C-alpha cells in the first residue's frame, strides 16, 4: 500500500483507511503514535489489553479507534490483517476530519 505524504493512513471523501501495528496483551488500551516498519512504511502503533484469541484483540482495536476518533464502533471495520500484527482498518465518516484527528492523536504521542 502506498501511503502518500508519509502518513499511516489514506484519506477519501467518506472514509480513512489506517495501517495499524497492534500489540495484544499490551497492558492498556492506547494509541502510541507513529512507527516506521523495517521496509519504511509508517504505521499507527496501538496496544490493547485483550489477548489475540477469538478476535478479542481485533474487537478491542475497533473499539479503541472508534473512541479515539469519536465515531461509533459500527463505522470502524477491519479490512485486512485479521490474524496478523499489521492490520488495515477502515473508518467511515468525513475523511478530512478523521485524518485531522488522527494527525493530532499521533502527533501527541510521537
PDB file of N, CA and C in Angstrom:
ATOM      1  N   UNK A   1       0.838  -1.174   0.000  1.00  0.00           N
ATOM      2  CA  UNK A   1       0.000   0.000   0.000  1.00  0.00           C
ATOM      3  C   UNK A   1       0.886   1.241   0.000  1.00  0.00           C
ATOM      4  N   UNK A   2       0.637   2.123  -0.879  1.00  0.00           N
ATOM      5  CA  UNK A   2       1.368   3.374  -0.941  1.00  0.00           C
ATOM      6  C   UNK A   2       0.712   4.366   0.015  1.00  0.00           C
ATOM      7  N   UNK A   3       1.510   5.001   0.822  1.00  0.00           N
ATOM      8  CA  UNK A   3       0.978   5.953   1.787  1.00  0.00           C
ATOM      9  C   UNK A   3       1.503   7.333   1.414  1.00  0.00           C
ATOM     10  N   UNK A   4       0.625   8.153   0.885  1.00  0.00           N
ATOM     11  CA  UNK A   4       1.007   9.489   0.442  1.00  0.00           C
ATOM     12  C   UNK A   4       1.414  10.358   1.618  1.00  0.00           C
ATOM     13  N   UNK A   5       2.438  11.157   1.403  1.00  0.00           N
ATOM     14  CA  UNK A   5       2.842  12.107   2.426  1.00  0.00           C
ATOM     15  C   UNK A   5       3.465  11.473   3.657  1.00  0.00           C
ATOM     16  N   UNK A   6       3.793  10.195   3.599  1.00  0.00           N
ATOM     17  CA  UNK A   6       4.421   9.551   4.730  1.00  0.00           C
ATOM     18  C   UNK A   6       3.487   9.287   5.887  1.00  0.00           C
ATOM     19  N   UNK A   7       2.180   9.312   5.655  1.00  0.00           N
ATOM     20  CA  UNK A   7       1.214   9.047   6.715  1.00  0.00           C
ATOM     21  C   UNK A   7       0.846   7.568   6.740  1.00  0.00           C
ATOM     22  N   UNK A   8       0.374   7.124   7.872  1.00  0.00           N
ATOM     23  CA  UNK A   8      -0.018   5.729   8.054  1.00  0.00           C
ATOM     24  C   UNK A   8      -1.476   5.511   7.667  1.00  0.00           C
ATOM     25  N   UNK A   9      -2.045   6.456   6.934  1.00  0.00           N
ATOM     26  CA  UNK A   9      -3.440   6.330   6.519  1.00  0.00           C
ATOM     27  C   UNK A   9      -3.639   6.970   5.158  1.00  0.00           C
ATOM     28  N   UNK A  10      -4.676   6.510   4.487  1.00  0.00           N
ATOM     29  CA  UNK A  10      -5.089   7.121   3.229  1.00  0.00           C
ATOM     30  C   UNK A  10      -6.482   7.697   3.432  1.00  0.00           C
ATOM     31  N   UNK A  11      -6.734   8.806   2.788  1.00  0.00           N
ATOM     32  CA  UNK A  11      -7.974   9.545   3.002  1.00  0.00           C
ATOM     33  C   UNK A  11      -8.799   9.551   1.728  1.00  0.00           C
ATOM     34  N   UNK A  12     -10.082   9.284   1.871  1.00  0.00           N
ATOM     35  CA  UNK A  12     -11.034   9.502   0.788  1.00  0.00           C
ATOM     36  C   UNK A  12     -12.098  10.447   1.344  1.00  0.00           C
ATOM     37  N   UNK A  13     -13.030  10.797   0.525  1.00  0.00           N
ATOM     38  CA  UNK A  13     -14.038  11.761   0.961  1.00  0.00           C
ATOM     39  C   UNK A  13     -14.872  11.246   2.135  1.00  0.00           C
ATOM     40  N   UNK A  14     -15.174   9.942   2.116  1.00  0.00           N
ATOM     41  CA  UNK A  14     -16.099   9.391   3.114  1.00  0.00           C
ATOM     42  C   UNK A  14     -15.472   8.372   4.059  1.00  0.00           C
ATOM     43  N   UNK A  15     -14.144   8.281   4.088  1.00  0.00           N
ATOM     44  CA  UNK A  15     -13.505   7.293   4.967  1.00  0.00           C
ATOM     45  C   UNK A  15     -11.999   7.538   5.048  1.00  0.00           C
ATOM     46  N   UNK A  16     -11.398   6.866   6.003  1.00  0.00           N
ATOM     47  CA  UNK A  16      -9.951   6.821   6.146  1.00  0.00           C
ATOM     48  C   UNK A  16      -9.589   5.349   6.335  1.00  0.00           C
ATOM     49  N   UNK A  17      -8.521   4.893   5.677  1.00  0.00           N
ATOM     50  CA  UNK A  17      -8.016   3.545   5.898  1.00  0.00           C
ATOM     51  C   UNK A  17      -6.667   3.691   6.603  1.00  0.00           C
ATOM     52  N   UNK A  18      -6.576   3.107   7.793  1.00  0.00           N
ATOM     53  CA  UNK A  18      -5.398   3.255   8.646  1.00  0.00           C
ATOM     54  C   UNK A  18      -4.637   1.935   8.697  1.00  0.00           C
ATOM     55  N   UNK A  19      -3.315   2.010   8.586  1.00  0.00           N
ATOM     56  CA  UNK A  19      -2.460   0.842   8.786  1.00  0.00           C
ATOM     57  C   UNK A  19      -1.986   0.882  10.232  1.00  0.00           C
ATOM     58  N   UNK A  20      -2.261  -0.211  10.958  1.00  0.00           N
ATOM     59  CA  UNK A  20      -2.009  -0.260  12.397  1.00  0.00           C
ATOM     60  C   UNK A  20      -1.099  -1.438  12.718  1.00  0.00           C
ATOM     61  N   UNK A  21      -0.153  -1.215  13.605  1.00  0.00           N
ATOM     62  CA  UNK A  21       0.634  -2.315  14.185  1.00  0.00           C
ATOM     63  C   UNK A  21       0.086  -2.524  15.591  1.00  0.00           C
ATOM     64  N   UNK A  22      -0.598  -3.652  15.780  1.00  0.00           N
ATOM     65  CA  UNK A  22      -1.296  -3.914  17.037  1.00  0.00           C
ATOM     66  C   UNK A  22      -0.486  -4.816  17.953  1.00  0.00           C
ATOM     67  N   UNK A  23      -0.413  -4.424  19.219  1.00  0.00           N
ATOM     68  CA  UNK A  23       0.212  -5.248  20.248  1.00  0.00           C
ATOM     69  C   UNK A  23      -0.882  -5.718  21.198  1.00  0.00           C
ATOM     70  N   UNK A  24      -1.269  -7.000  21.096  1.00  0.00           N
ATOM     71  CA  UNK A  24      -2.247  -7.527  22.054  1.00  0.00           C
ATOM     72  C   UNK A  24      -1.581  -7.760  23.411  1.00  0.00           C
ATOM     73  N   UNK A  25      -2.380  -7.852  24.453  1.00  0.00           N
ATOM     74  CA  UNK A  25      -1.886  -8.026  25.823  1.00  0.00           C
ATOM     75  C   UNK A  25      -0.838  -6.980  26.138  1.00  0.00           C
ATOM     76  N   UNK A  26      -1.131  -5.731  25.722  1.00  0.00           N
ATOM     77  CA  UNK A  26      -0.178  -4.631  25.884  1.00  0.00           C
ATOM     78  C   UNK A  26      -0.296  -3.885  27.196  1.00  0.00           C
ATOM     79  N   UNK A  27      -1.114  -4.374  28.126  1.00  0.00           N
ATOM     80  CA  UNK A  27      -1.217  -3.753  29.446  1.00  0.00           C
ATOM     81  C   UNK A  27      -2.243  -2.643  29.546  1.00  0.00           C
ATOM     82  N   UNK A  28      -2.560  -1.999  28.431  1.00  0.00           N
ATOM     83  CA  UNK A  28      -3.557  -0.927  28.426  1.00  0.00           C
ATOM     84  C   UNK A  28      -4.047  -0.749  26.997  1.00  0.00           C
ATOM     85  N   UNK A  29      -5.148  -0.063  26.841  1.00  0.00           N
ATOM     86  CA  UNK A  29      -5.671   0.254  25.516  1.00  0.00           C
ATOM     87  C   UNK A  29      -5.211   1.664  25.173  1.00  0.00           C
ATOM     88  N   UNK A  30      -4.370   1.781  24.139  1.00  0.00           N
ATOM     89  CA  UNK A  30      -3.815   3.092  23.815  1.00  0.00           C
ATOM     90  C   UNK A  30      -3.286   3.140  22.394  1.00  0.00           C
ATOM     91  N   UNK A  31      -3.272   4.364  21.862  1.00  0.00           N
ATOM     92  CA  UNK A  31      -2.591   4.640  20.602  1.00  0.00           C
ATOM     93  C   UNK A  31      -1.280   5.306  20.988  1.00  0.00           C
ATOM     94  N   UNK A  32      -0.167   4.727  20.510  1.00  0.00           N
ATOM     95  CA  UNK A  32       1.157   5.168  20.947  1.00  0.00           C
ATOM     96  C   UNK A  32       1.935   5.950  19.897  1.00  0.00           C
ATOM     97  N   UNK A  33       1.267   6.492  18.884  1.00  0.00           N
ATOM     98  CA  UNK A  33       1.964   7.309  17.902  1.00  0.00           C
ATOM     99  C   UNK A  33       2.224   6.578  16.602  1.00  0.00           C
ATOM    100  N   UNK A  34       3.243   7.035  15.878  1.00  0.00           N
ATOM    101  CA  UNK A  34       3.600   6.501  14.568  1.00  0.00           C
ATOM    102  C   UNK A  34       4.943   5.791  14.678  1.00  0.00           C
ATOM    103  N   UNK A  35       5.080   4.699  13.944  1.00  0.00           N
ATOM    104  CA  UNK A  35       6.325   3.943  13.899  1.00  0.00           C
ATOM    105  C   UNK A  35       6.612   3.613  12.440  1.00  0.00           C
ATOM    106  N   UNK A  36       7.876   3.461  12.086  1.00  0.00           N
ATOM    107  CA  UNK A  36       8.243   3.025  10.740  1.00  0.00           C
ATOM    108  C   UNK A  36       8.658   1.563  10.805  1.00  0.00           C
ATOM    109  N   UNK A  37       8.104   0.769   9.893  1.00  0.00           N
ATOM    110  CA  UNK A  37       8.475  -0.634   9.796  1.00  0.00           C
ATOM    111  C   UNK A  37       9.846  -0.749   9.136  1.00  0.00           C
ATOM    112  N   UNK A  38      10.402  -1.942   9.129  1.00  0.00           N
ATOM    113  CA  UNK A  38      11.704  -2.177   8.520  1.00  0.00           C
ATOM    114  C   UNK A  38      11.767  -1.791   7.050  1.00  0.00           C
ATOM    115  N   UNK A  39      10.637  -1.889   6.358  1.00  0.00           N
ATOM    116  CA  UNK A  39      10.603  -1.523   4.933  1.00  0.00           C
ATOM    117  C   UNK A  39      10.288  -0.044   4.723  1.00  0.00           C
ATOM    118  N   UNK A  40      10.198   0.726   5.818  1.00  0.00           N
ATOM    119  CA  UNK A  40       9.986   2.164   5.715  1.00  0.00           C
ATOM    120  C   UNK A  40       8.542   2.623   5.786  1.00  0.00           C
ATOM    121  N   UNK A  41       7.596   1.676   5.745  1.00  0.00           N
ATOM    122  CA  UNK A  41       6.183   2.067   5.811  1.00  0.00           C
ATOM    123  C   UNK A  41       5.825   2.583   7.203  1.00  0.00           C
ATOM    124  N   UNK A  42       5.094   3.695   7.259  1.00  0.00           N
ATOM    125  CA  UNK A  42       4.629   4.183   8.555  1.00  0.00           C
ATOM    126  C   UNK A  42       3.368   3.430   8.986  1.00  0.00           C
ATOM    127  N   UNK A  43       3.252   3.195  10.280  1.00  0.00           N
ATOM    128  CA  UNK A  43       2.063   2.555  10.852  1.00  0.00           C
ATOM    129  C   UNK A  43       1.702   3.267  12.150  1.00  0.00           C
ATOM    130  N   UNK A  44       0.430   3.212  12.501  1.00  0.00           N
ATOM    131  CA  UNK A  44      -0.011   3.702  13.802  1.00  0.00           C
ATOM    132  C   UNK A  44       0.236   2.580  14.804  1.00  0.00           C
ATOM    133  N   UNK A  45       0.942   2.879  15.887  1.00  0.00           N
ATOM    134  CA  UNK A  45       1.176   1.884  16.938  1.00  0.00           C
ATOM    135  C   UNK A  45      -0.010   1.908  17.887  1.00  0.00           C
ATOM    136  N   UNK A  46      -0.564   0.731  18.141  1.00  0.00           N
ATOM    137  CA  UNK A  46      -1.673   0.626  19.087  1.00  0.00           C
ATOM    138  C   UNK A  46      -1.449  -0.597  19.960  1.00  0.00           C
ATOM    139  N   UNK A  47      -1.955  -0.517  21.170  1.00  0.00           N
ATOM    140  CA  UNK A  47      -1.893  -1.662  22.090  1.00  0.00           C
ATOM    141  C   UNK A  47      -3.248  -1.825  22.752  1.00  0.00           C
ATOM    142  N   UNK A  48      -3.584  -3.066  23.032  1.00  0.00           N
ATOM    143  CA  UNK A  48      -4.836  -3.365  23.725  1.00  0.00           C
ATOM    144  C   UNK A  48      -4.558  -4.382  24.819  1.00  0.00           C
ATOM    145  N   UNK A  49      -5.407  -4.373  25.833  1.00  0.00           N
ATOM    146  CA  UNK A  49      -5.277  -5.344  26.929  1.00  0.00           C
ATOM    147  C   UNK A  49      -5.692  -6.740  26.509  1.00  0.00           C
ATOM    148  N   UNK A  50      -6.595  -6.842  25.557  1.00  0.00           N
ATOM    149  CA  UNK A  50      -7.160  -8.128  25.149  1.00  0.00           C
ATOM    150  C   UNK A  50      -6.101  -9.029  24.516  1.00  0.00           C
ATOM    151  N   UNK A  51      -6.320 -10.334  24.668  1.00  0.00           N
ATOM    152  CA  UNK A  51      -5.439 -11.327  24.058  1.00  0.00           C
ATOM    153  C   UNK A  51      -5.801 -11.504  22.586  1.00  0.00           C
ATOM    154  N   UNK A  52      -4.844 -12.037  21.838  1.00  0.00           N
ATOM    155  CA  UNK A  52      -5.055 -12.245  20.401  1.00  0.00           C
ATOM    156  C   UNK A  52      -5.727 -13.594  20.149  1.00  0.00           C
ATOM    157  N   UNK A  53      -6.823 -13.845  20.824  1.00  0.00           N
ATOM    158  CA  UNK A  53      -7.546 -15.091  20.598  1.00  0.00           C
ATOM    159  C   UNK A  53      -9.020 -14.791  20.397  1.00  0.00           C
ATOM    160  N   UNK A  54      -9.645 -15.572  19.540  1.00  0.00           N
ATOM    161  CA  UNK A  54     -11.080 -15.442  19.251  1.00  0.00           C
ATOM    162  C   UNK A  54     -11.466 -14.032  18.804  1.00  0.00           C
ATOM    163  N   UNK A  55     -10.539 -13.297  18.198  1.00  0.00           N
ATOM    164  CA  UNK A  55     -10.844 -11.965  17.693  1.00  0.00           C
ATOM    165  C   UNK A  55     -10.967 -10.901  18.759  1.00  0.00           C
ATOM    166  N   UNK A  56     -10.599 -11.219  19.992  1.00  0.00           N
ATOM    167  CA  UNK A  56     -10.744 -10.257  21.087  1.00  0.00           C
ATOM    168  C   UNK A  56      -9.887  -9.011  20.882  1.00  0.00           C
ATOM    169  N   UNK A  57      -8.635  -9.195  20.433  1.00  0.00           N
ATOM    170  CA  UNK A  57      -7.752  -8.039  20.223  1.00  0.00           C
ATOM    171  C   UNK A  57      -8.272  -7.174  19.072  1.00  0.00           C
ATOM    172  N   UNK A  58      -8.785  -7.805  18.023  1.00  0.00           N
ATOM    173  CA  UNK A  58      -9.342  -7.043  16.906  1.00  0.00           C
ATOM    174  C   UNK A  58     -10.549  -6.228  17.354  1.00  0.00           C
ATOM    175  N   UNK A  59     -11.418  -6.838  18.140  1.00  0.00           N
ATOM    176  CA  UNK A  59     -12.600  -6.121  18.649  1.00  0.00           C
ATOM    177  C   UNK A  59     -12.177  -4.955  19.539  1.00  0.00           C
ATOM    178  N   UNK A  60     -11.147  -5.168  20.347  1.00  0.00           N
ATOM    179  CA  UNK A  60     -10.653  -4.096  21.213  1.00  0.00           C
ATOM    180  C   UNK A  60     -10.045  -2.963  20.387  1.00  0.00           C
ATOM    181  N   UNK A  61      -9.367  -3.304  19.287  1.00  0.00           N
ATOM    182  CA  UNK A  61      -8.805  -2.285  18.399  1.00  0.00           C
ATOM    183  C   UNK A  61      -9.917  -1.457  17.760  1.00  0.00           C
ATOM    184  N   UNK A  62     -10.968  -2.121  17.292  1.00  0.00           N
ATOM    185  CA  UNK A  62     -12.106  -1.416  16.690  1.00  0.00           C
ATOM    186  C   UNK A  62     -12.704  -0.443  17.707  1.00  0.00           C
ATOM    187  N   UNK A  63     -12.876  -0.906  18.930  1.00  0.00           N
ATOM    188  CA  UNK A  63     -13.438  -0.048  19.991  1.00  0.00           C
ATOM    189  C   UNK A  63     -12.505   1.117  20.294  1.00  0.00           C
ATOM    190  N   UNK A  64     -11.198   0.846  20.399  1.00  0.00           N
ATOM    191  CA  UNK A  64     -10.210   1.884  20.696  1.00  0.00           C
ATOM    192  C   UNK A  64     -10.212   2.970  19.618  1.00  0.00           C
ATOM    193  N   UNK A  65     -10.186   2.565  18.350  1.00  0.00           N
ATOM    194  CA  UNK A  65     -10.177   3.556  17.268  1.00  0.00           C
ATOM    195  C   UNK A  65     -11.483   4.342  17.229  1.00  0.00           C
ATOM    196  N   UNK A  66     -12.592   3.660  17.465  1.00  0.00           N
ATOM    197  CA  UNK A  66     -13.875   4.351  17.497  1.00  0.00           C
ATOM    198  C   UNK A  66     -13.911   5.425  18.571  1.00  0.00           C
ATOM    199  N   UNK A  67     -13.435   5.082  19.760  1.00  0.00           N
ATOM    200  CA  UNK A  67     -13.411   6.052  20.862  1.00  0.00           C
ATOM    201  C   UNK A  67     -12.447   7.199  20.574  1.00  0.00           C
ATOM    202  N   UNK A  68     -11.266   6.875  20.060  1.00  0.00           N
ATOM    203  CA  UNK A  68     -10.254   7.897  19.800  1.00  0.00           C
ATOM    204  C   UNK A  68     -10.714   8.892  18.740  1.00  0.00           C
ATOM    205  N   UNK A  69     -11.474   8.396  17.754  1.00  0.00           N
ATOM    206  CA  UNK A  69     -11.922   9.247  16.649  1.00  0.00           C
ATOM    207  C   UNK A  69     -13.355   9.729  16.830  1.00  0.00           C
ATOM    208  N   UNK A  70     -13.960   9.383  17.954  1.00  0.00           N
ATOM    209  CA  UNK A  70     -15.319   9.812  18.288  1.00  0.00           C
ATOM    210  C   UNK A  70     -16.333   9.393  17.223  1.00  0.00           C
ATOM    211  N   UNK A  71     -16.251   8.108  16.836  1.00  0.00           N
ATOM    212  CA  UNK A  71     -17.227   7.521  15.915  1.00  0.00           C
ATOM    213  C   UNK A  71     -17.745   6.238  16.549  1.00  0.00           C
ATOM    214  N   UNK A  72     -18.876   5.760  16.069  1.00  0.00           N
ATOM    215  CA  UNK A  72     -19.419   4.518  16.626  1.00  0.00           C
ATOM    216  C   UNK A  72     -18.609   3.327  16.121  1.00  0.00           C
ATOM    217  N   UNK A  73     -18.619   2.260  16.885  1.00  0.00           N
ATOM    218  CA  UNK A  73     -17.865   1.060  16.527  1.00  0.00           C
ATOM    219  C   UNK A  73     -18.312   0.495  15.182  1.00  0.00           C
ATOM    220  N   UNK A  74     -19.569   0.696  14.805  1.00  0.00           N
ATOM    221  CA  UNK A  74     -20.031   0.145  13.531  1.00  0.00           C
ATOM    222  C   UNK A  74     -19.448   0.889  12.332  1.00  0.00           C
ATOM    223  N   UNK A  75     -18.846   2.072  12.559  1.00  0.00           N
ATOM    224  CA  UNK A  75     -18.185   2.815  11.492  1.00  0.00           C
ATOM    225  C   UNK A  75     -16.742   2.358  11.287  1.00  0.00           C
ATOM    226  N   UNK A  76     -16.251   1.484  12.158  1.00  0.00           N
ATOM    227  CA  UNK A  76     -14.869   1.006  12.120  1.00  0.00           C
ATOM    228  C   UNK A  76     -14.887  -0.453  11.682  1.00  0.00           C
ATOM    229  N   UNK A  77     -14.170  -0.757  10.583  1.00  0.00           N
ATOM    230  CA  UNK A  77     -14.177  -2.100  10.015  1.00  0.00           C
ATOM    231  C   UNK A  77     -12.755  -2.571   9.756  1.00  0.00           C
ATOM    232  N   UNK A  78     -12.442  -3.767  10.224  1.00  0.00           N
ATOM    233  CA  UNK A  78     -11.155  -4.381   9.925  1.00  0.00           C
ATOM    234  C   UNK A  78     -11.215  -4.898   8.491  1.00  0.00           C
ATOM    235  N   UNK A  79     -10.354  -4.386   7.609  1.00  0.00           N
ATOM    236  CA  UNK A  79     -10.400  -4.773   6.203  1.00  0.00           C
ATOM    237  C   UNK A  79      -9.198  -5.601   5.769  1.00  0.00           C
ATOM    238  N   UNK A  80      -8.232  -5.770   6.648  1.00  0.00           N
ATOM    239  CA  UNK A  80      -7.083  -6.591   6.306  1.00  0.00           C
ATOM    240  C   UNK A  80      -6.251  -6.920   7.530  1.00  0.00           C
ATOM    241  N   UNK A  81      -5.646  -8.112   7.534  1.00  0.00           N
ATOM    242  CA  UNK A  81      -4.748  -8.488   8.609  1.00  0.00           C
ATOM    243  C   UNK A  81      -5.410  -9.033   9.852  1.00  0.00           C
ATOM    244  N   UNK A  82      -6.540  -9.708   9.692  1.00  0.00           N
ATOM    245  CA  UNK A  82      -7.287 -10.205  10.855  1.00  0.00           C
ATOM    246  C   UNK A  82      -6.429 -11.059  11.784  1.00  0.00           C
ATOM    247  N   UNK A  83      -5.491 -11.838  11.224  1.00  0.00           N
ATOM    248  CA  UNK A  83      -4.662 -12.705  12.059  1.00  0.00           C
ATOM    249  C   UNK A  83      -3.212 -12.245  12.111  1.00  0.00           C
ATOM    250  N   UNK A  84      -2.924 -11.070  11.571  1.00  0.00           N
ATOM    251  CA  UNK A  84      -1.557 -10.551  11.538  1.00  0.00           C
ATOM    252  C   UNK A  84      -1.402  -9.397  12.526  1.00  0.00           C
ATOM    253  N   UNK A  85      -0.176  -9.056  12.812  1.00  0.00           N
ATOM    254  CA  UNK A  85       0.099  -7.918  13.696  1.00  0.00           C
ATOM    255  C   UNK A  85      -0.173  -6.594  12.972  1.00  0.00           C
ATOM    256  N   UNK A  86       0.122  -6.543  11.660  1.00  0.00           N
ATOM    257  CA  UNK A  86      -0.135  -5.343  10.862  1.00  0.00           C
ATOM    258  C   UNK A  86      -1.538  -5.463  10.285  1.00  0.00           C
ATOM    259  N   UNK A  87      -2.372  -4.478  10.561  1.00  0.00           N
ATOM    260  CA  UNK A  87      -3.784  -4.528  10.173  1.00  0.00           C
ATOM    261  C   UNK A  87      -4.145  -3.284   9.378  1.00  0.00           C
ATOM    262  N   UNK A  88      -5.187  -3.411   8.562  1.00  0.00           N
ATOM    263  CA  UNK A  88      -5.753  -2.262   7.864  1.00  0.00           C
ATOM    264  C   UNK A  88      -7.180  -2.094   8.358  1.00  0.00           C
ATOM    265  N   UNK A  89      -7.504  -0.882   8.792  1.00  0.00           N
ATOM    266  CA  UNK A  89      -8.799  -0.600   9.381  1.00  0.00           C
ATOM    267  C   UNK A  89      -9.424   0.577   8.639  1.00  0.00           C
ATOM    268  N   UNK A  90     -10.669   0.396   8.197  1.00  0.00           N
ATOM    269  CA  UNK A  90     -11.406   1.459   7.510  1.00  0.00           C
ATOM    270  C   UNK A  90     -12.342   2.122   8.515  1.00  0.00           C
ATOM    271  N   UNK A  91     -12.301   3.445   8.530  1.00  0.00           N
ATOM    272  CA  UNK A  91     -13.184   4.211   9.404  1.00  0.00           C
ATOM    273  C   UNK A  91     -14.046   5.096   8.521  1.00  0.00           C
ATOM    274  N   UNK A  92     -15.355   4.862   8.553  1.00  0.00           N
ATOM    275  CA  UNK A  92     -16.287   5.633   7.745  1.00  0.00           C
ATOM    276  C   UNK A  92     -16.605   6.959   8.416  1.00  0.00           C
ATOM    277  N   UNK A  93     -16.734   7.989   7.604  1.00  0.00           N
ATOM    278  CA  UNK A  93     -17.058   9.323   8.098  1.00  0.00           C
ATOM    279  C   UNK A  93     -16.408  10.354   7.195  1.00  0.00           C
ATOM    280  N   UNK A  94     -16.349  11.579   7.649  1.00  0.00           N
ATOM    281  CA  UNK A  94     -15.707  12.655   6.903  1.00  0.00           C
ATOM    282  C   UNK A  94     -14.203  12.403   6.889  1.00  0.00           C
ATOM    283  N   UNK A  95     -13.681  12.004   5.741  1.00  0.00           N
ATOM    284  CA  UNK A  95     -12.279  11.615   5.639  1.00  0.00           C
ATOM    285  C   UNK A  95     -11.308  12.677   6.106  1.00  0.00           C
ATOM    286  N   UNK A  96     -11.529  13.922   5.708  1.00  0.00           N
ATOM    287  CA  UNK A  96     -10.620  15.003   6.086  1.00  0.00           C
ATOM    288  C   UNK A  96     -10.635  15.235   7.592  1.00  0.00           C
ATOM    289  N   UNK A  97     -11.806  15.204   8.195  1.00  0.00           N
ATOM    290  CA  UNK A  97     -11.919  15.418   9.643  1.00  0.00           C
ATOM    291  C   UNK A  97     -11.279  14.263  10.410  1.00  0.00           C
ATOM    292  N   UNK A  98     -11.503  13.024   9.951  1.00  0.00           N
ATOM    293  CA  UNK A  98     -10.892  11.863  10.603  1.00  0.00           C
ATOM    294  C   UNK A  98      -9.378  11.930  10.508  1.00  0.00           C
ATOM    295  N   UNK A  99      -8.857  12.309   9.329  1.00  0.00           N
ATOM    296  CA  UNK A  99      -7.410  12.419   9.135  1.00  0.00           C
ATOM    297  C   UNK A  99      -6.821  13.481  10.053  1.00  0.00           C
ATOM    298  N   UNK A 100      -7.517  14.600  10.205  1.00  0.00           N
ATOM    299  CA  UNK A 100      -7.038  15.661  11.085  1.00  0.00           C
ATOM    300  C   UNK A 100      -6.981  15.181  12.539  1.00  0.00           C
ATOM    301  N   UNK A 101      -7.975  14.419  12.956  1.00  0.00           N
ATOM    302  CA  UNK A 101      -7.989  13.877  14.316  1.00  0.00           C
ATOM    303  C   UNK A 101      -6.859  12.869  14.501  1.00  0.00           C
ATOM    304  N   UNK A 102      -6.647  11.997  13.506  1.00  0.00           N
ATOM    305  CA  UNK A 102      -5.542  11.040  13.578  1.00  0.00           C
ATOM    306  C   UNK A 102      -4.209  11.768  13.681  1.00  0.00           C
ATOM    307  N   UNK A 103      -4.048  12.815  12.895  1.00  0.00           N
ATOM    308  CA  UNK A 103      -2.809  13.604  12.923  1.00  0.00           C
ATOM    309  C   UNK A 103      -2.571  14.149  14.321  1.00  0.00           C
ATOM    310  N   UNK A 104      -3.603  14.675  14.937  1.00  0.00           N
ATOM    311  CA  UNK A 104      -3.491  15.247  16.279  1.00  0.00           C
ATOM    312  C   UNK A 104      -3.156  14.162  17.313  1.00  0.00           C
ATOM    313  N   UNK A 105      -3.867  13.045  17.256  1.00  0.00           N
ATOM    314  CA  UNK A 105      -3.655  11.966  18.223  1.00  0.00           C
ATOM    315  C   UNK A 105      -2.246  11.415  18.122  1.00  0.00           C
ATOM    316  N   UNK A 106      -1.781  11.145  16.903  1.00  0.00           N
ATOM    317  CA  UNK A 106      -0.463  10.537  16.737  1.00  0.00           C
ATOM    318  C   UNK A 106       0.667  11.524  16.987  1.00  0.00           C
ATOM    319  N   UNK A 107       0.445  12.805  16.713  1.00  0.00           N
ATOM    320  CA  UNK A 107       1.468  13.821  16.962  1.00  0.00           C
ATOM    321  C   UNK A 107       1.711  13.985  18.463  1.00  0.00           C
ATOM    322  N   UNK A 108       0.657  13.854  19.251  1.00  0.00           N
ATOM    323  CA  UNK A 108       0.781  13.979  20.714  1.00  0.00           C
ATOM    324  C   UNK A 108       1.607  12.848  21.293  1.00  0.00           C
ATOM    325  N   UNK A 109       1.591  11.693  20.649  1.00  0.00           N
ATOM    326  CA  UNK A 109       2.243  10.503  21.198  1.00  0.00           C
ATOM    327  C   UNK A 109       3.643  10.276  20.646  1.00  0.00           C
ATOM    328  N   UNK A 110       3.957  10.867  19.509  1.00  0.00           N
ATOM    329  CA  UNK A 110       5.252  10.586  18.867  1.00  0.00           C
ATOM    330  C   UNK A 110       6.381  11.393  19.463  1.00  0.00           C
TER     331      UNK A 110
END
